[in-house]
Amino acid sequence: MVFESSKTTKIVDLPRNLLDFNLSKVVLPKSLTSLDLQHNKIFGGLLVELTKLNLQYLNVSYNRLCGHIPMGGKLQSFDYSTYFHYRCLCGSPLPSYK
């Protein structure tokens, strides 16, 4: 399995694959530096574990993610386009709506 903490996977590049799973149930490898899951049907929330990774690249745009973007790590340093076309994500770096 690609998503497992004991794997030494550094790059997961799976855009535009019609993947349909709950991201909040996934276990990511600690060695992960690049995660590209854009343009799928992924739902759930972003994992707090993402804040502990040394991510150089992240793109989860055009999915069905919800919840708060966890604070910490590099998650707030990525441009809002990383999270673009979100269903109900909120938190920095996304703009707040009133």
PDB file of N, CA and C in Angstrom:
ATOM      1  N   MET A   1       0.841  -1.185   0.000  1.00  0.00           N
ATOM      2  CA  MET A   1       0.000   0.000   0.000  1.00  0.00           C
ATOM      3  C   MET A   1       0.885   1.245   0.000  1.00  0.00           C
ATOM      4  N   VAL A   2       0.553   2.211  -0.800  1.00  0.00           N
ATOM      5  CA  VAL A   2       1.323   3.453  -0.909  1.00  0.00           C
ATOM      6  C   VAL A   2       1.285   4.223   0.399  1.00  0.00           C
ATOM      7  N   PHE A   3       0.117   4.290   1.025  1.00  0.00           N
ATOM      8  CA  PHE A   3      -0.056   5.069   2.243  1.00  0.00           C
ATOM      9  C   PHE A   3       0.152   4.182   3.460  1.00  0.00           C
ATOM     10  N   GLU A   4       1.325   4.234   4.024  1.00  0.00           N
ATOM     11  CA  GLU A   4       1.634   3.464   5.219  1.00  0.00           C
ATOM     12  C   GLU A   4       2.832   4.124   5.889  1.00  0.00           C
ATOM     13  N   SER A   5       2.794   4.263   7.208  1.00  0.00           N
ATOM     14  CA  SER A   5       3.837   5.021   7.901  1.00  0.00           C
ATOM     15  C   SER A   5       5.223   4.407   7.777  1.00  0.00           C
ATOM     16  N   SER A   6       5.335   3.090   7.620  1.00  0.00           N
ATOM     17  CA  SER A   6       6.648   2.455   7.562  1.00  0.00           C
ATOM     18  C   SER A   6       7.285   2.507   6.173  1.00  0.00           C
ATOM     19  N   LYS A   7       6.547   2.923   5.173  1.00  0.00           N
ATOM     20  CA  LYS A   7       7.095   3.037   3.817  1.00  0.00           C
ATOM     21  C   LYS A   7       8.094   4.193   3.754  1.00  0.00           C
ATOM     22  N   THR A   8       8.984   4.142   2.777  1.00  0.00           N
ATOM     23  CA  THR A   8       9.948   5.230   2.590  1.00  0.00           C
ATOM     24  C   THR A   8       9.582   6.091   1.381  1.00  0.00           C
ATOM     25  N   THR A   9       8.328   6.073   1.024  1.00  0.00           N
ATOM     26  CA  THR A   9       7.833   6.851  -0.107  1.00  0.00           C
ATOM     27  C   THR A   9       8.044   8.340   0.142  1.00  0.00           C
ATOM     28  N   LYS A  10       8.619   9.034  -0.828  1.00  0.00           N
ATOM     29  CA  LYS A  10       8.829  10.475  -0.707  1.00  0.00           C
ATOM     30  C   LYS A  10       7.826  11.263  -1.531  1.00  0.00           C
ATOM     31  N   ILE A  11       7.417  10.719  -2.662  1.00  0.00           N
ATOM     32  CA  ILE A  11       6.528  11.439  -3.575  1.00  0.00           C
ATOM     33  C   ILE A  11       5.294  10.599  -3.876  1.00  0.00           C
ATOM     34  N   VAL A  12       4.132  11.199  -3.671  1.00  0.00           N
ATOM     35  CA  VAL A  12       2.867  10.597  -4.079  1.00  0.00           C
ATOM     36  C   VAL A  12       2.255  11.563  -5.084  1.00  0.00           C
ATOM     37  N   ASP A  13       2.158  11.132  -6.323  1.00  0.00           N
ATOM     38  CA  ASP A  13       1.700  11.974  -7.427  1.00  0.00           C
ATOM     39  C   ASP A  13       0.532  11.267  -8.114  1.00  0.00           C
ATOM     40  N   LEU A  14      -0.689  11.558  -7.660  1.00  0.00           N
ATOM     41  CA  LEU A  14      -1.879  10.859  -8.147  1.00  0.00           C
ATOM     42  C   LEU A  14      -2.994  11.811  -8.583  1.00  0.00           C
ATOM     43  N   PRO A  15      -2.680  12.860  -9.340  1.00  0.00           N
ATOM     44  CA  PRO A  15      -3.751  13.761  -9.770  1.00  0.00           C
ATOM     45  C   PRO A  15      -4.612  13.131 -10.862  1.00  0.00           C
ATOM     46  N   ARG A  16      -5.870  13.572 -10.919  1.00  0.00           N
ATOM     47  CA  ARG A  16      -6.795  13.204 -11.993  1.00  0.00           C
ATOM     48  C   ARG A  16      -6.962  11.698 -12.163  1.00  0.00           C
ATOM     49  N   ASN A  17      -7.206  11.009 -11.060  1.00  0.00           N
ATOM     50  CA  ASN A  17      -7.388   9.562 -11.104  1.00  0.00           C
ATOM     51  C   ASN A  17      -8.763   9.119 -10.630  1.00  0.00           C
ATOM     52  N   LEU A  18      -9.652  10.068 -10.373  1.00  0.00           N
ATOM     53  CA  LEU A  18     -10.992   9.756  -9.857  1.00  0.00           C
ATOM     54  C   LEU A  18     -10.936   8.959  -8.558  1.00  0.00           C
ATOM     55  N   LEU A  19      -9.891   9.187  -7.776  1.00  0.00           N
ATOM     56  CA  LEU A  19      -9.771   8.513  -6.483  1.00  0.00           C
ATOM     57  C   LEU A  19     -10.882   8.985  -5.564  1.00  0.00           C
ATOM     58  N   ASP A  20     -11.465   8.063  -4.832  1.00  0.00           N
ATOM     59  CA  ASP A  20     -12.606   8.351  -3.967  1.00  0.00           C
ATOM     60  C   ASP A  20     -12.367   7.653  -2.630  1.00  0.00           C
ATOM     61  N   PHE A  21     -11.828   8.392  -1.662  1.00  0.00           N
ATOM     62  CA  PHE A  21     -11.570   7.820  -0.342  1.00  0.00           C
ATOM     63  C   PHE A  21     -11.547   8.927   0.698  1.00  0.00           C
ATOM     64  N   ASN A  22     -11.599   8.527   1.949  1.00  0.00           N
ATOM     65  CA  ASN A  22     -11.594   9.451   3.076  1.00  0.00           C
ATOM     66  C   ASN A  22     -10.148   9.727   3.479  1.00  0.00           C
ATOM     67  N   LEU A  23      -9.661  10.914   3.188  1.00  0.00           N
ATOM     68  CA  LEU A  23      -8.272  11.268   3.481  1.00  0.00           C
ATOM     69  C   LEU A  23      -7.971  11.225   4.973  1.00  0.00           C
ATOM     70  N   SER A  24      -8.957  11.500   5.799  1.00  0.00           N
ATOM     71  CA  SER A  24      -8.710  11.516   7.245  1.00  0.00           C
ATOM     72  C   SER A  24      -8.452  10.119   7.811  1.00  0.00           C
ATOM     73  N   LYS A  25      -8.644   9.074   7.024  1.00  0.00           N
ATOM     74  CA  LYS A  25      -8.398   7.691   7.463  1.00  0.00           C
ATOM     75  C   LYS A  25      -7.059   7.147   6.957  1.00  0.00           C
ATOM     76  N   VAL A  26      -6.321   7.963   6.228  1.00  0.00           N
ATOM     77  CA  VAL A  26      -5.082   7.526   5.590  1.00  0.00           C
ATOM     78  C   VAL A  26      -3.902   7.690   6.542  1.00  0.00           C
ATOM     79  N   VAL A  27      -2.975   6.742   6.488  1.00  0.00           N
ATOM     80  CA  VAL A  27      -1.715   6.848   7.222  1.00  0.00           C
ATOM     81  C   VAL A  27      -0.636   7.174   6.192  1.00  0.00           C
ATOM     82  N   LEU A  28       0.029   8.297   6.383  1.00  0.00           N
ATOM     83  CA  LEU A  28       1.041   8.744   5.427  1.00  0.00           C
ATOM     84  C   LEU A  28       2.442   8.362   5.891  1.00  0.00           C
ATOM     85  N   PRO A  29       3.346   8.080   4.945  1.00  0.00           N
ATOM     86  CA  PRO A  29       4.727   7.785   5.329  1.00  0.00           C
ATOM     87  C   PRO A  29       5.411   9.028   5.894  1.00  0.00           C
ATOM     88  N   LYS A  30       6.222   8.842   6.909  1.00  0.00           N
ATOM     89  CA  LYS A  30       6.922   9.962   7.549  1.00  0.00           C
ATOM     90  C   LYS A  30       7.942  10.607   6.613  1.00  0.00           C
ATOM     91  N   SER A  31       8.364   9.882   5.592  1.00  0.00           N
ATOM     92  CA  SER A  31       9.366  10.376   4.644  1.00  0.00           C
ATOM     93  C   SER A  31       8.768  11.222   3.520  1.00  0.00           C
ATOM     94  N   LEU A  32       7.450  11.376   3.484  1.00  0.00           N
ATOM     95  CA  LEU A  32       6.766  12.065   2.388  1.00  0.00           C
ATOM     96  C   LEU A  32       7.191  13.534   2.284  1.00  0.00           C
ATOM     97  N   THR A  33       7.587  13.955   1.077  1.00  0.00           N
ATOM     98  CA  THR A  33       7.957  15.355   0.841  1.00  0.00           C
ATOM     99  C   THR A  33       7.068  16.020  -0.204  1.00  0.00           C
ATOM    100  N   SER A  34       6.345  15.226  -0.978  1.00  0.00           N
ATOM    101  CA  SER A  34       5.488  15.772  -2.031  1.00  0.00           C
ATOM    102  C   SER A  34       4.201  14.957  -2.115  1.00  0.00           C
ATOM    103  N   LEU A  35       3.067  15.662  -2.029  1.00  0.00           N
ATOM    104  CA  LEU A  35       1.759  15.005  -2.081  1.00  0.00           C
ATOM    105  C   LEU A  35       0.867  15.758  -3.058  1.00  0.00           C
ATOM    106  N   ASP A  36       0.564  15.130  -4.178  1.00  0.00           N
ATOM    107  CA  ASP A  36      -0.292  15.738  -5.197  1.00  0.00           C
ATOM    108  C   ASP A  36      -1.498  14.834  -5.416  1.00  0.00           C
ATOM    109  N   LEU A  37      -2.642  15.276  -4.897  1.00  0.00           N
ATOM    110  CA  LEU A  37      -3.892  14.527  -5.018  1.00  0.00           C
ATOM    111  C   LEU A  37      -4.971  15.355  -5.704  1.00  0.00           C
ATOM    112  N   GLN A  38      -4.582  16.377  -6.435  1.00  0.00           N
ATOM    113  CA  GLN A  38      -5.557  17.293  -7.031  1.00  0.00           C
ATOM    114  C   GLN A  38      -6.467  16.598  -8.039  1.00  0.00           C
ATOM    115  N   HIS A  39      -7.652  17.175  -8.197  1.00  0.00           N
ATOM    116  CA  HIS A  39      -8.645  16.711  -9.175  1.00  0.00           C
ATOM    117  C   HIS A  39      -9.024  15.243  -8.979  1.00  0.00           C
ATOM    118  N   ASN A  40      -9.469  14.903  -7.791  1.00  0.00           N
ATOM    119  CA  ASN A  40      -9.999  13.586  -7.491  1.00  0.00           C
ATOM    120  C   ASN A  40     -11.345  13.769  -6.801  1.00  0.00           C
ATOM    121  N   LYS A  41     -11.804  12.765  -6.108  1.00  0.00           N
ATOM    122  CA  LYS A  41     -13.064  12.839  -5.363  1.00  0.00           C
ATOM    123  C   LYS A  41     -12.814  12.527  -3.892  1.00  0.00           C
ATOM    124  N   ILE A  42     -11.685  12.975  -3.405  1.00  0.00           N
ATOM    125  CA  ILE A  42     -11.260  12.675  -2.042  1.00  0.00           C
ATOM    126  C   ILE A  42     -12.052  13.533  -1.065  1.00  0.00           C
ATOM    127  N   PHE A  43     -12.511  12.912   0.005  1.00  0.00           N
ATOM    128  CA  PHE A  43     -13.324  13.617   0.998  1.00  0.00           C
ATOM    129  C   PHE A  43     -12.689  13.464   2.375  1.00  0.00           C
ATOM    130  N   GLY A  44     -13.334  14.020   3.386  1.00  0.00           N
ATOM    131  CA  GLY A  44     -12.807  13.989   4.747  1.00  0.00           C
ATOM    132  C   GLY A  44     -12.019  15.250   5.031  1.00  0.00           C
ATOM    133  N   GLY A  45     -11.189  15.194   6.034  1.00  0.00           N
ATOM    134  CA  GLY A  45     -10.401  16.353   6.431  1.00  0.00           C
ATOM    135  C   GLY A  45      -8.919  16.132   6.225  1.00  0.00           C
ATOM    136  N   LEU A  46      -8.171  17.215   6.354  1.00  0.00           N
ATOM    137  CA  LEU A  46      -6.719  17.126   6.266  1.00  0.00           C
ATOM    138  C   LEU A  46      -6.165  16.584   7.574  1.00  0.00           C
ATOM    139  N   LEU A  47      -5.218  15.710   7.473  1.00  0.00           N
ATOM    140  CA  LEU A  47      -4.627  15.058   8.635  1.00  0.00           C
ATOM    141  C   LEU A  47      -3.723  16.002   9.426  1.00  0.00           C
ATOM    142  N   VAL A  48      -3.805  15.956  10.727  1.00  0.00           N
ATOM    143  CA  VAL A  48      -2.883  16.707  11.584  1.00  0.00           C
ATOM    144  C   VAL A  48      -1.453  16.239  11.324  1.00  0.00           C
ATOM    145  N   GLU A  49      -1.280  14.987  10.960  1.00  0.00           N
ATOM    146  CA  GLU A  49       0.039  14.429  10.679  1.00  0.00           C
ATOM    147  C   GLU A  49       0.759  15.183   9.561  1.00  0.00           C
ATOM    148  N   LEU A  50       0.004  15.861   8.694  1.00  0.00           N
ATOM    149  CA  LEU A  50       0.631  16.649   7.628  1.00  0.00           C
ATOM    150  C   LEU A  50       1.530  17.740   8.198  1.00  0.00           C
ATOM    151  N   THR A  51       1.229  18.226   9.396  1.00  0.00           N
ATOM    152  CA  THR A  51       2.041  19.279  10.013  1.00  0.00           C
ATOM    153  C   THR A  51       3.404  18.751  10.454  1.00  0.00           C
ATOM    154  N   LYS A  52       3.541  17.442  10.582  1.00  0.00           N
ATOM    155  CA  LYS A  52       4.790  16.836  11.055  1.00  0.00           C
ATOM    156  C   LYS A  52       5.706  16.406   9.919  1.00  0.00           C
ATOM    157  N   LEU A  53       5.220  16.532   8.693  1.00  0.00           N
ATOM    158  CA  LEU A  53       6.010  16.111   7.539  1.00  0.00           C
ATOM    159  C   LEU A  53       6.835  17.272   6.990  1.00  0.00           C
ATOM    160  N   ASN A  54       7.919  16.939   6.336  1.00  0.00           N
ATOM    161  CA  ASN A  54       8.764  17.947   5.697  1.00  0.00           C
ATOM    162  C   ASN A  54       8.308  18.139   4.246  1.00  0.00           C
ATOM    163  N   LEU A  55       7.067  18.580   4.085  1.00  0.00           N
ATOM    164  CA  LEU A  55       6.486  18.734   2.750  1.00  0.00           C
ATOM    165  C   LEU A  55       7.119  19.897   1.997  1.00  0.00           C
ATOM    166  N   GLN A  56       7.551  19.618   0.785  1.00  0.00           N
ATOM    167  CA  GLN A  56       8.048  20.654  -0.113  1.00  0.00           C
ATOM    168  C   GLN A  56       6.968  21.051  -1.113  1.00  0.00           C
ATOM    169  N   TYR A  57       6.024  20.135  -1.331  1.00  0.00           N
ATOM    170  CA  TYR A  57       4.939  20.383  -2.284  1.00  0.00           C
ATOM    171  C   TYR A  57       3.673  19.712  -1.770  1.00  0.00           C
ATOM    172  N   LEU A  58       2.551  20.421  -1.917  1.00  0.00           N
ATOM    173  CA  LEU A  58       1.248  19.883  -1.539  1.00  0.00           C
ATOM    174  C   LEU A  58       0.202  20.456  -2.479  1.00  0.00           C
ATOM    175  N   ASN A  59      -0.655  19.587  -3.014  1.00  0.00           N
ATOM    176  CA  ASN A  59      -1.797  20.059  -3.789  1.00  0.00           C
ATOM    177  C   ASN A  59      -2.954  19.091  -3.568  1.00  0.00           C
ATOM    178  N   VAL A  60      -3.978  19.582  -2.883  1.00  0.00           N
ATOM    179  CA  VAL A  60      -5.196  18.801  -2.634  1.00  0.00           C
ATOM    180  C   VAL A  60      -6.407  19.530  -3.218  1.00  0.00           C
ATOM    181  N   SER A  61      -6.152  20.397  -4.192  1.00  0.00           N
ATOM    182  CA  SER A  61      -7.233  21.184  -4.792  1.00  0.00           C
ATOM    183  C   SER A  61      -8.180  20.294  -5.596  1.00  0.00           C
ATOM    184  N   TYR A  62      -9.385  20.814  -5.817  1.00  0.00           N
ATOM    185  CA  TYR A  62     -10.411  20.126  -6.605  1.00  0.00           C
ATOM    186  C   TYR A  62     -10.722  18.735  -6.054  1.00  0.00           C
ATOM    187  N   ASN A  63     -11.032  18.706  -4.777  1.00  0.00           N
ATOM    188  CA  ASN A  63     -11.508  17.506  -4.105  1.00  0.00           C
ATOM    189  C   ASN A  63     -12.734  17.883  -3.289  1.00  0.00           C
ATOM    190  N   ARG A  64     -13.122  17.050  -2.373  1.00  0.00           N
ATOM    191  CA  ARG A  64     -14.318  17.288  -1.555  1.00  0.00           C
ATOM    192  C   ARG A  64     -13.959  17.357  -0.075  1.00  0.00           C
ATOM    193  N   LEU A  65     -12.860  18.008   0.221  1.00  0.00           N
ATOM    194  CA  LEU A  65     -12.356  18.070   1.591  1.00  0.00           C
ATOM    195  C   LEU A  65     -13.126  19.074   2.436  1.00  0.00           C
ATOM    196  N   CYS A  66     -13.224  18.787   3.732  1.00  0.00           N
ATOM    197  CA  CYS A  66     -13.924  19.657   4.685  1.00  0.00           C
ATOM    198  C   CYS A  66     -13.105  19.781   5.964  1.00  0.00           C
ATOM    199  N   GLY A  67     -13.455  20.771   6.765  1.00  0.00           N
ATOM    200  CA  GLY A  67     -12.831  20.938   8.072  1.00  0.00           C
ATOM    201  C   GLY A  67     -11.755  22.008   8.070  1.00  0.00           C
ATOM    202  N   HIS A  68     -11.074  22.115   9.203  1.00  0.00           N
ATOM    203  CA  HIS A  68     -10.015  23.109   9.379  1.00  0.00           C
ATOM    204  C   HIS A  68      -8.697  22.593   8.828  1.00  0.00           C
ATOM    205  N   ILE A  69      -7.953  23.491   8.218  1.00  0.00           N
ATOM    206  CA  ILE A  69      -6.588  23.171   7.819  1.00  0.00           C
ATOM    207  C   ILE A  69      -5.765  23.180   9.102  1.00  0.00           C
ATOM    208  N   PRO A  70      -5.115  22.060   9.438  1.00  0.00           N
ATOM    209  CA  PRO A  70      -4.352  22.016  10.688  1.00  0.00           C
ATOM    210  C   PRO A  70      -3.270  23.095  10.722  1.00  0.00           C
ATOM    211  N   MET A  71      -3.080  23.683  11.883  1.00  0.00           N
ATOM    212  CA  MET A  71      -2.052  24.706  12.063  1.00  0.00           C
ATOM    213  C   MET A  71      -0.713  24.033  12.332  1.00  0.00           C
ATOM    214  N   GLY A  72       0.315  24.578  11.706  1.00  0.00           N
ATOM    215  CA  GLY A  72       1.653  24.087  11.975  1.00  0.00           C
ATOM    216  C   GLY A  72       2.321  23.513  10.744  1.00  0.00           C
ATOM    217  N   GLY A  73       3.563  23.145  10.924  1.00  0.00           N
ATOM    218  CA  GLY A  73       4.325  22.622   9.806  1.00  0.00           C
ATOM    219  C   GLY A  73       4.388  23.648   8.695  1.00  0.00           C
ATOM    220  N   LYS A  74       4.259  23.191   7.472  1.00  0.00           N
ATOM    221  CA  LYS A  74       4.329  24.089   6.319  1.00  0.00           C
ATOM    222  C   LYS A  74       2.963  24.347   5.698  1.00  0.00           C
ATOM    223  N   LEU A  75       1.889  23.858   6.312  1.00  0.00           N
ATOM    224  CA  LEU A  75       0.569  23.944   5.687  1.00  0.00           C
ATOM    225  C   LEU A  75       0.116  25.372   5.423  1.00  0.00           C
ATOM    226  N   GLN A  76       0.496  26.325   6.263  1.00  0.00           N
ATOM    227  CA  GLN A  76       0.093  27.710   6.047  1.00  0.00           C
ATOM    228  C   GLN A  76       1.023  28.426   5.065  1.00  0.00           C
ATOM    229  N   SER A  77       2.166  27.837   4.758  1.00  0.00           N
ATOM    230  CA  SER A  77       3.104  28.482   3.833  1.00  0.00           C
ATOM    231  C   SER A  77       2.760  28.204   2.368  1.00  0.00           C
ATOM    232  N   PHE A  78       1.935  27.210   2.124  1.00  0.00           N
ATOM    233  CA  PHE A  78       1.510  26.937   0.751  1.00  0.00           C
ATOM    234  C   PHE A  78       0.463  27.952   0.324  1.00  0.00           C
ATOM    235  N   ASP A  79       0.467  28.308  -0.940  1.00  0.00           N
ATOM    236  CA  ASP A  79      -0.499  29.235  -1.509  1.00  0.00           C
ATOM    237  C   ASP A  79      -1.908  28.659  -1.383  1.00  0.00           C
ATOM    238  N   TYR A  80      -2.901  29.553  -1.331  1.00  0.00           N
ATOM    239  CA  TYR A  80      -4.284  29.093  -1.197  1.00  0.00           C
ATOM    240  C   TYR A  80      -4.696  28.174  -2.346  1.00  0.00           C
ATOM    241  N   SER A  81      -4.024  28.278  -3.508  1.00  0.00           N
ATOM    242  CA  SER A  81      -4.377  27.420  -4.643  1.00  0.00           C
ATOM    243  C   SER A  81      -4.107  25.943  -4.348  1.00  0.00           C
ATOM    244  N   THR A  82      -3.284  25.677  -3.351  1.00  0.00           N
ATOM    245  CA  THR A  82      -3.049  24.313  -2.890  1.00  0.00           C
ATOM    246  C   THR A  82      -4.354  23.659  -2.460  1.00  0.00           C
ATOM    247  N   TYR A  83      -5.263  24.479  -1.936  1.00  0.00           N
ATOM    248  CA  TYR A  83      -6.523  23.994  -1.372  1.00  0.00           C
ATOM    249  C   TYR A  83      -7.730  24.427  -2.213  1.00  0.00           C
ATOM    250  N   PHE A  84      -7.489  25.015  -3.378  1.00  0.00           N
ATOM    251  CA  PHE A  84      -8.536  25.623  -4.197  1.00  0.00           C
ATOM    252  C   PHE A  84      -9.667  24.651  -4.527  1.00  0.00           C
ATOM    253  N   HIS A  85     -10.839  25.220  -4.734  1.00  0.00           N
ATOM    254  CA  HIS A  85     -12.067  24.489  -5.061  1.00  0.00           C
ATOM    255  C   HIS A  85     -12.389  23.462  -3.975  1.00  0.00           C
ATOM    256  N   TYR A  86     -12.304  23.934  -2.782  1.00  0.00           N
ATOM    257  CA  TYR A  86     -12.592  23.107  -1.614  1.00  0.00           C
ATOM    258  C   TYR A  86     -14.083  23.125  -1.338  1.00  0.00           C
ATOM    259  N   ARG A  87     -14.594  22.077  -0.773  1.00  0.00           N
ATOM    260  CA  ARG A  87     -16.014  22.012  -0.440  1.00  0.00           C
ATOM    261  C   ARG A  87     -16.285  22.830   0.813  1.00  0.00           C
ATOM    262  N   CYS A  88     -15.595  22.566   1.879  1.00  0.00           N
ATOM    263  CA  CYS A  88     -15.841  23.311   3.124  1.00  0.00           C
ATOM    264  C   CYS A  88     -14.598  23.346   3.997  1.00  0.00           C
ATOM    265  N   LEU A  89     -13.427  23.512   3.379  1.00  0.00           N
ATOM    266  CA  LEU A  89     -12.202  23.711   4.146  1.00  0.00           C
ATOM    267  C   LEU A  89     -12.176  25.136   4.671  1.00  0.00           C
ATOM    268  N   CYS A  90     -11.543  25.323   5.803  1.00  0.00           N
ATOM    269  CA  CYS A  90     -11.388  26.675   6.335  1.00  0.00           C
ATOM    270  C   CYS A  90     -10.086  26.763   7.107  1.00  0.00           C
ATOM    271  N   GLY A  91      -9.649  27.985   7.333  1.00  0.00           N
ATOM    272  CA  GLY A  91      -8.410  28.231   8.058  1.00  0.00           C
ATOM    273  C   GLY A  91      -7.329  28.745   7.129  1.00  0.00           C
ATOM    274  N   SER A  92      -6.270  29.242   7.734  1.00  0.00           N
ATOM    275  CA  SER A  92      -5.154  29.813   6.994  1.00  0.00           C
ATOM    276  C   SER A  92      -4.515  28.732   6.119  1.00  0.00           C
ATOM    277  N   PRO A  93      -4.194  29.045   4.879  1.00  0.00           N
ATOM    278  CA  PRO A  93      -4.090  30.327   4.206  1.00  0.00           C
ATOM    279  C   PRO A  93      -5.340  30.732   3.419  1.00  0.00           C
ATOM    280  N   LEU A  94      -6.447  30.039   3.590  1.00  0.00           N
ATOM    281  CA  LEU A  94      -7.662  30.389   2.857  1.00  0.00           C
ATOM    282  C   LEU A  94      -8.244  31.689   3.386  1.00  0.00           C
ATOM    283  N   PRO A  95      -8.853  32.481   2.512  1.00  0.00           N
ATOM    284  CA  PRO A  95      -9.476  33.724   2.975  1.00  0.00           C
ATOM    285  C   PRO A  95     -10.668  33.421   3.874  1.00  0.00           C
ATOM    286  N   SER A  96     -10.880  34.261   4.863  1.00  0.00           N
ATOM    287  CA  SER A  96     -12.047  34.069   5.737  1.00  0.00           C
ATOM    288  C   SER A  96     -13.230  34.808   5.140  1.00  0.00           C
ATOM    289  N   TYR A  97     -14.379  34.187   5.231  1.00  0.00           N
ATOM    290  CA  TYR A  97     -15.609  34.776   4.697  1.00  0.00           C
ATOM    291  C   TYR A  97     -16.534  35.108   5.843  1.00  0.00           C
ATOM    292  N   LYS A  98     -17.242  36.220   5.709  1.00  0.00           N
ATOM    293  CA  LYS A  98     -18.161  36.641   6.769  1.00  0.00           C
ATOM    294  C   LYS A  98     -19.579  36.537   6.301  1.00  0.00           C
TER     295      LYS A  98
END
